[in-house]
């Protein structure tokens, strides 16, 4: 993924991570609360088998749609 798309996707993750803040279920491994940005990145890694930075430029729109589906 090129640098411009990386920045766009990271801002997208931040925006939707802010929405998830304090909405994730508590977990005993995270006594201070869960990190919503890390949660989104973890799910992206599971779905695309790579970091959001390593997703192809052609799949950026699919990545955005996936991130939107996490919030629902």
PDB file of N, CA and C in Angstrom:
ATOM      1  N   UNK A   1       0.851  -1.172   0.000  1.00  0.00           N
ATOM      2  CA  UNK A   1       0.000   0.000   0.000  1.00  0.00           C
ATOM      3  C   UNK A   1       0.900   1.239   0.000  1.00  0.00           C
ATOM      4  N   UNK A   2       0.512   2.229  -0.767  1.00  0.00           N
ATOM      5  CA  UNK A   2       1.321   3.453  -0.808  1.00  0.00           C
ATOM      6  C   UNK A   2       1.094   4.297   0.453  1.00  0.00           C
ATOM      7  N   UNK A   3       1.975   5.252   0.687  1.00  0.00           N
ATOM      8  CA  UNK A   3       1.946   6.055   1.915  1.00  0.00           C
ATOM      9  C   UNK A   3       0.640   6.838   2.071  1.00  0.00           C
ATOM     10  N   UNK A   4       0.133   7.385   0.981  1.00  0.00           N
ATOM     11  CA  UNK A   4      -1.107   8.172   1.058  1.00  0.00           C
ATOM     12  C   UNK A   4      -2.269   7.296   1.533  1.00  0.00           C
ATOM     13  N   UNK A   5      -2.380   6.091   0.990  1.00  0.00           N
ATOM     14  CA  UNK A   5      -3.449   5.181   1.399  1.00  0.00           C
ATOM     15  C   UNK A   5      -3.259   4.719   2.840  1.00  0.00           C
ATOM     16  N   UNK A   6      -2.006   4.516   3.260  1.00  0.00           N
ATOM     17  CA  UNK A   6      -1.751   4.122   4.657  1.00  0.00           C
ATOM     18  C   UNK A   6      -2.288   5.174   5.612  1.00  0.00           C
ATOM     19  N   UNK A   7      -2.036   6.444   5.292  1.00  0.00           N
ATOM     20  CA  UNK A   7      -2.500   7.536   6.150  1.00  0.00           C
ATOM     21  C   UNK A   7      -4.019   7.611   6.162  1.00  0.00           C
ATOM     22  N   UNK A   8      -4.627   7.429   5.006  1.00  0.00           N
ATOM     23  CA  UNK A   8      -6.092   7.462   4.908  1.00  0.00           C
ATOM     24  C   UNK A   8      -6.704   6.335   5.733  1.00  0.00           C
ATOM     25  N   UNK A   9      -6.159   5.137   5.578  1.00  0.00           N
ATOM     26  CA  UNK A   9      -6.700   3.984   6.302  1.00  0.00           C
ATOM     27  C   UNK A   9      -6.478   4.145   7.801  1.00  0.00           C
ATOM     28  N   UNK A  10      -5.311   4.647   8.223  1.00  0.00           N
ATOM     29  CA  UNK A  10      -5.062   4.818   9.659  1.00  0.00           C
ATOM     30  C   UNK A  10      -6.040   5.832  10.252  1.00  0.00           C
ATOM     31  N   UNK A  11      -6.324   6.925   9.540  1.00  0.00           N
ATOM     32  CA  UNK A  11      -7.312   7.899  10.023  1.00  0.00           C
ATOM     33  C   UNK A  11      -8.692   7.251  10.119  1.00  0.00           C
ATOM     34  N   UNK A  12      -9.003   6.374   9.177  1.00  0.00           N
ATOM     35  CA  UNK A  12     -10.268   5.647   9.175  1.00  0.00           C
ATOM     36  C   UNK A  12     -10.339   4.733  10.403  1.00  0.00           C
ATOM     37  N   UNK A  13      -9.237   4.034  10.696  1.00  0.00           N
ATOM     38  CA  UNK A  13      -9.170   3.162  11.873  1.00  0.00           C
ATOM     39  C   UNK A  13      -9.338   3.996  13.146  1.00  0.00           C
ATOM     40  N   UNK A  14      -8.682   5.146  13.212  1.00  0.00           N
ATOM     41  CA  UNK A  14      -8.800   6.005  14.390  1.00  0.00           C
ATOM     42  C   UNK A  14     -10.238   6.477  14.599  1.00  0.00           C
ATOM     43  N   UNK A  15     -10.862   6.892  13.514  1.00  0.00           N
ATOM     44  CA  UNK A  15     -12.237   7.384  13.601  1.00  0.00           C
ATOM     45  C   UNK A  15     -13.167   6.299  14.131  1.00  0.00           C
ATOM     46  N   UNK A  16     -13.045   5.115  13.599  1.00  0.00           N
ATOM     47  CA  UNK A  16     -13.937   4.032  13.999  1.00  0.00           C
ATOM     48  C   UNK A  16     -13.508   3.397  15.316  1.00  0.00           C
ATOM     49  N   UNK A  17     -12.226   3.500  15.652  1.00  0.00           N
ATOM     50  CA  UNK A  17     -11.765   3.065  16.964  1.00  0.00           C
ATOM     51  C   UNK A  17     -12.321   3.959  18.061  1.00  0.00           C
ATOM     52  N   UNK A  18     -12.409   5.260  17.779  1.00  0.00           N
ATOM     53  CA  UNK A  18     -13.005   6.190  18.737  1.00  0.00           C
ATOM     54  C   UNK A  18     -14.451   5.802  19.029  1.00  0.00           C
ATOM     55  N   UNK A  19     -15.152   5.351  18.013  1.00  0.00           N
ATOM     56  CA  UNK A  19     -16.539   4.910  18.184  1.00  0.00           C
ATOM     57  C   UNK A  19     -16.605   3.689  19.105  1.00  0.00           C
ATOM     58  N   UNK A  20     -15.631   2.780  19.001  1.00  0.00           N
ATOM     59  CA  UNK A  20     -15.629   1.554  19.800  1.00  0.00           C
ATOM     60  C   UNK A  20     -15.133   1.760  21.230  1.00  0.00           C
ATOM     61  N   UNK A  21     -14.532   2.888  21.496  1.00  0.00           N
ATOM     62  CA  UNK A  21     -13.973   3.142  22.827  1.00  0.00           C
ATOM     63  C   UNK A  21     -15.063   2.974  23.886  1.00  0.00           C
ATOM     64  N   UNK A  22     -14.749   2.220  24.920  1.00  0.00           N
ATOM     65  CA  UNK A  22     -15.657   1.913  26.038  1.00  0.00           C
ATOM     66  C   UNK A  22     -16.857   1.068  25.618  1.00  0.00           C
ATOM     67  N   UNK A  23     -16.848   0.507  24.420  1.00  0.00           N
ATOM     68  CA  UNK A  23     -17.941  -0.358  23.974  1.00  0.00           C
ATOM     69  C   UNK A  23     -17.512  -1.825  23.863  1.00  0.00           C
ATOM     70  N   UNK A  24     -16.209  -2.076  23.921  1.00  0.00           N
ATOM     71  CA  UNK A  24     -15.732  -3.452  23.833  1.00  0.00           C
ATOM     72  C   UNK A  24     -15.965  -4.146  25.171  1.00  0.00           C
ATOM     73  N   UNK A  25     -16.302  -5.422  25.107  1.00  0.00           N
ATOM     74  CA  UNK A  25     -16.556  -6.184  26.328  1.00  0.00           C
ATOM     75  C   UNK A  25     -15.282  -6.270  27.161  1.00  0.00           C
ATOM     76  N   UNK A  26     -15.426  -6.187  28.478  1.00  0.00           N
ATOM     77  CA  UNK A  26     -14.243  -6.330  29.342  1.00  0.00           C
ATOM     78  C   UNK A  26     -13.626  -7.723  29.190  1.00  0.00           C
ATOM     79  N   UNK A  27     -12.327  -7.780  29.403  1.00  0.00           N
ATOM     80  CA  UNK A  27     -11.614  -9.048  29.295  1.00  0.00           C
ATOM     81  C   UNK A  27     -10.593  -9.109  30.417  1.00  0.00           C
ATOM     82  N   UNK A  28     -10.426 -10.272  31.058  1.00  0.00           N
ATOM     83  CA  UNK A  28      -9.489 -10.368  32.188  1.00  0.00           C
ATOM     84  C   UNK A  28      -8.035 -10.080  31.813  1.00  0.00           C
ATOM     85  N   UNK A  29      -7.664 -10.249  30.562  1.00  0.00           N
ATOM     86  CA  UNK A  29      -6.294  -9.961  30.139  1.00  0.00           C
ATOM     87  C   UNK A  29      -6.051  -8.473  29.934  1.00  0.00           C
ATOM     88  N   UNK A  30      -7.114  -7.675  29.997  1.00  0.00           N
ATOM     89  CA  UNK A  30      -7.014  -6.227  29.788  1.00  0.00           C
ATOM     90  C   UNK A  30      -7.677  -5.499  30.961  1.00  0.00           C
ATOM     91  N   UNK A  31      -7.039  -5.508  32.139  1.00  0.00           N
ATOM     92  CA  UNK A  31      -7.683  -4.915  33.320  1.00  0.00           C
ATOM     93  C   UNK A  31      -7.892  -3.403  33.215  1.00  0.00           C
ATOM     94  N   UNK A  32      -7.118  -2.721  32.394  1.00  0.00           N
ATOM     95  CA  UNK A  32      -7.268  -1.268  32.242  1.00  0.00           C
ATOM     96  C   UNK A  32      -8.149  -0.893  31.064  1.00  0.00           C
ATOM     97  N   UNK A  33      -8.801  -1.857  30.472  1.00  0.00           N
ATOM     98  CA  UNK A  33      -9.654  -1.613  29.313  1.00  0.00           C
ATOM     99  C   UNK A  33      -8.970  -2.049  28.029  1.00  0.00           C
ATOM    100  N   UNK A  34      -9.783  -2.304  27.026  1.00  0.00           N
ATOM    101  CA  UNK A  34      -9.260  -2.783  25.747  1.00  0.00           C
ATOM    102  C   UNK A  34      -8.974  -1.618  24.820  1.00  0.00           C
ATOM    103  N   UNK A  35      -7.976  -1.817  23.961  1.00  0.00           N
ATOM    104  CA  UNK A  35      -7.564  -0.805  22.992  1.00  0.00           C
ATOM    105  C   UNK A  35      -8.381  -1.011  21.714  1.00  0.00           C
ATOM    106  N   UNK A  36      -9.298  -0.093  21.391  1.00  0.00           N
ATOM    107  CA  UNK A  36     -10.159  -0.292  20.224  1.00  0.00           C
ATOM    108  C   UNK A  36      -9.393  -0.250  18.897  1.00  0.00           C
ATOM    109  N   UNK A  37      -8.291   0.502  18.837  1.00  0.00           N
ATOM    110  CA  UNK A  37      -7.504   0.576  17.605  1.00  0.00           C
ATOM    111  C   UNK A  37      -6.781  -0.749  17.366  1.00  0.00           C
ATOM    112  N   UNK A  38      -6.243  -1.308  18.427  1.00  0.00           N
ATOM    113  CA  UNK A  38      -5.582  -2.607  18.324  1.00  0.00           C
ATOM    114  C   UNK A  38      -6.595  -3.695  17.975  1.00  0.00           C
ATOM    115  N   UNK A  39      -7.807  -3.554  18.503  1.00  0.00           N
ATOM    116  CA  UNK A  39      -8.865  -4.519  18.202  1.00  0.00           C
ATOM    117  C   UNK A  39      -9.184  -4.520  16.702  1.00  0.00           C
ATOM    118  N   UNK A  40      -9.324  -3.331  16.130  1.00  0.00           N
ATOM    119  CA  UNK A  40      -9.603  -3.227  14.693  1.00  0.00           C
ATOM    120  C   UNK A  40      -8.441  -3.800  13.891  1.00  0.00           C
ATOM    121  N   UNK A  41      -7.218  -3.446  14.261  1.00  0.00           N
ATOM    122  CA  UNK A  41      -6.039  -3.958  13.541  1.00  0.00           C
ATOM    123  C   UNK A  41      -5.941  -5.471  13.640  1.00  0.00           C
ATOM    124  N   UNK A  42      -6.285  -6.020  14.802  1.00  0.00           N
ATOM    125  CA  UNK A  42      -6.272  -7.473  14.985  1.00  0.00           C
ATOM    126  C   UNK A  42      -7.285  -8.138  14.054  1.00  0.00           C
ATOM    127  N   UNK A  43      -8.482  -7.589  13.977  1.00  0.00           N
ATOM    128  CA  UNK A  43      -9.509  -8.163  13.102  1.00  0.00           C
ATOM    129  C   UNK A  43      -9.126  -8.035  11.628  1.00  0.00           C
ATOM    130  N   UNK A  44      -8.499  -6.931  11.260  1.00  0.00           N
ATOM    131  CA  UNK A  44      -8.024  -6.745   9.883  1.00  0.00           C
ATOM    132  C   UNK A  44      -6.978  -7.807   9.569  1.00  0.00           C
ATOM    133  N   UNK A  45      -6.075  -8.031  10.525  1.00  0.00           N
ATOM    134  CA  UNK A  45      -5.029  -9.032  10.335  1.00  0.00           C
ATOM    135  C   UNK A  45      -5.636 -10.420  10.155  1.00  0.00           C
ATOM    136  N   UNK A  46      -6.677 -10.737  10.929  1.00  0.00           N
ATOM    137  CA  UNK A  46      -7.341 -12.037  10.776  1.00  0.00           C
ATOM    138  C   UNK A  46      -8.012 -12.161   9.406  1.00  0.00           C
ATOM    139  N   UNK A  47      -8.696 -11.124   8.980  1.00  0.00           N
ATOM    140  CA  UNK A  47      -9.455 -11.166   7.719  1.00  0.00           C
ATOM    141  C   UNK A  47      -8.543 -11.182   6.492  1.00  0.00           C
ATOM    142  N   UNK A  48      -7.521 -10.318   6.487  1.00  0.00           N
ATOM    143  CA  UNK A  48      -6.687 -10.151   5.300  1.00  0.00           C
ATOM    144  C   UNK A  48      -5.344 -10.886   5.399  1.00  0.00           C
ATOM    145  N   UNK A  49      -5.085 -11.518   6.533  1.00  0.00           N
ATOM    146  CA  UNK A  49      -3.841 -12.274   6.773  1.00  0.00           C
ATOM    147  C   UNK A  49      -2.593 -11.395   6.660  1.00  0.00           C
ATOM    148  N   UNK A  50      -2.749 -10.106   6.968  1.00  0.00           N
ATOM    149  CA  UNK A  50      -1.620  -9.180   6.966  1.00  0.00           C
ATOM    150  C   UNK A  50      -2.027  -7.905   7.689  1.00  0.00           C
ATOM    151  N   UNK A  51      -1.066  -7.083   7.985  1.00  0.00           N
ATOM    152  CA  UNK A  51      -1.322  -5.789   8.599  1.00  0.00           C
ATOM    153  C   UNK A  51      -2.099  -4.905   7.627  1.00  0.00           C
ATOM    154  N   UNK A  52      -2.792  -3.919   8.169  1.00  0.00           N
ATOM    155  CA  UNK A  52      -3.518  -3.005   7.273  1.00  0.00           C
ATOM    156  C   UNK A  52      -2.557  -2.303   6.324  1.00  0.00           C
ATOM    157  N   UNK A  53      -1.300  -2.127   6.741  1.00  0.00           N
ATOM    158  CA  UNK A  53      -0.299  -1.463   5.900  1.00  0.00           C
ATOM    159  C   UNK A  53       0.105  -2.314   4.703  1.00  0.00           C
ATOM    160  N   UNK A  54      -0.097  -3.630   4.812  1.00  0.00           N
ATOM    161  CA  UNK A  54       0.328  -4.542   3.760  1.00  0.00           C
ATOM    162  C   UNK A  54      -0.789  -4.945   2.805  1.00  0.00           C
ATOM    163  N   UNK A  55      -1.988  -4.415   3.021  1.00  0.00           N
ATOM    164  CA  UNK A  55      -3.102  -4.701   2.120  1.00  0.00           C
ATOM    165  C   UNK A  55      -2.826  -3.995   0.789  1.00  0.00           C
ATOM    166  N   UNK A  56      -3.139  -4.634  -0.308  1.00  0.00           N
ATOM    167  CA  UNK A  56      -2.900  -4.054  -1.639  1.00  0.00           C
ATOM    168  C   UNK A  56      -3.742  -2.783  -1.827  1.00  0.00           C
ATOM    169  N   UNK A  57      -3.220  -1.862  -2.621  1.00  0.00           N
ATOM    170  CA  UNK A  57      -3.937  -0.621  -2.907  1.00  0.00           C
ATOM    171  C   UNK A  57      -5.311  -0.893  -3.514  1.00  0.00           C
ATOM    172  N   UNK A  58      -5.419  -1.954  -4.277  1.00  0.00           N
ATOM    173  CA  UNK A  58      -6.684  -2.291  -4.912  1.00  0.00           C
ATOM    174  C   UNK A  58      -7.745  -2.783  -3.940  1.00  0.00           C
ATOM    175  N   UNK A  59      -7.342  -3.145  -2.721  1.00  0.00           N
ATOM    176  CA  UNK A  59      -8.286  -3.656  -1.731  1.00  0.00           C
ATOM    177  C   UNK A  59      -8.625  -2.638  -0.645  1.00  0.00           C
ATOM    178  N   UNK A  60      -8.226  -1.389  -0.826  1.00  0.00           N
ATOM    179  CA  UNK A  60      -8.450  -0.365   0.204  1.00  0.00           C
ATOM    180  C   UNK A  60      -9.944  -0.168   0.459  1.00  0.00           C
ATOM    181  N   UNK A  61     -10.745  -0.120  -0.573  1.00  0.00           N
ATOM    182  CA  UNK A  61     -12.188   0.072  -0.388  1.00  0.00           C
ATOM    183  C   UNK A  61     -12.805  -1.117   0.339  1.00  0.00           C
ATOM    184  N   UNK A  62     -12.346  -2.318   0.017  1.00  0.00           N
ATOM    185  CA  UNK A  62     -12.824  -3.524   0.707  1.00  0.00           C
ATOM    186  C   UNK A  62     -12.421  -3.465   2.180  1.00  0.00           C
ATOM    187  N   UNK A  63     -11.219  -2.986   2.459  1.00  0.00           N
ATOM    188  CA  UNK A  63     -10.736  -2.836   3.829  1.00  0.00           C
ATOM    189  C   UNK A  63     -11.608  -1.834   4.592  1.00  0.00           C
ATOM    190  N   UNK A  64     -11.938  -0.722   3.971  1.00  0.00           N
ATOM    191  CA  UNK A  64     -12.793   0.276   4.610  1.00  0.00           C
ATOM    192  C   UNK A  64     -14.173  -0.299   4.921  1.00  0.00           C
ATOM    193  N   UNK A  65     -14.732  -1.043   3.979  1.00  0.00           N
ATOM    194  CA  UNK A  65     -16.045  -1.662   4.202  1.00  0.00           C
ATOM    195  C   UNK A  65     -15.986  -2.649   5.356  1.00  0.00           C
ATOM    196  N   UNK A  66     -14.886  -3.395   5.447  1.00  0.00           N
ATOM    197  CA  UNK A  66     -14.717  -4.344   6.548  1.00  0.00           C
ATOM    198  C   UNK A  66     -14.659  -3.601   7.886  1.00  0.00           C
ATOM    199  N   UNK A  67     -13.918  -2.513   7.946  1.00  0.00           N
ATOM    200  CA  UNK A  67     -13.812  -1.739   9.189  1.00  0.00           C
ATOM    201  C   UNK A  67     -15.181  -1.175   9.575  1.00  0.00           C
ATOM    202  N   UNK A  68     -15.936  -0.713   8.599  1.00  0.00           N
ATOM    203  CA  UNK A  68     -17.297  -0.227   8.882  1.00  0.00           C
ATOM    204  C   UNK A  68     -18.156  -1.340   9.454  1.00  0.00           C
ATOM    205  N   UNK A  69     -17.992  -2.561   8.957  1.00  0.00           N
ATOM    206  CA  UNK A  69     -18.809  -3.683   9.439  1.00  0.00           C
ATOM    207  C   UNK A  69     -18.472  -4.060  10.882  1.00  0.00           C
ATOM    208  N   UNK A  70     -17.268  -3.736  11.334  1.00  0.00           N
ATOM    209  CA  UNK A  70     -16.882  -4.037  12.720  1.00  0.00           C
ATOM    210  C   UNK A  70     -17.732  -3.222  13.683  1.00  0.00           C
ATOM    211  N   UNK A  71     -18.044  -2.003  13.327  1.00  0.00           N
ATOM    212  CA  UNK A  71     -18.805  -1.115  14.219  1.00  0.00           C
ATOM    213  C   UNK A  71     -20.276  -1.474  14.323  1.00  0.00           C
ATOM    214  N   UNK A  72     -20.752  -2.347  13.472  1.00  0.00           N
ATOM    215  CA  UNK A  72     -22.190  -2.679  13.496  1.00  0.00           C
ATOM    216  C   UNK A  72     -22.483  -3.823  14.402  1.00  0.00           C
TER     217      UNK A  72
END
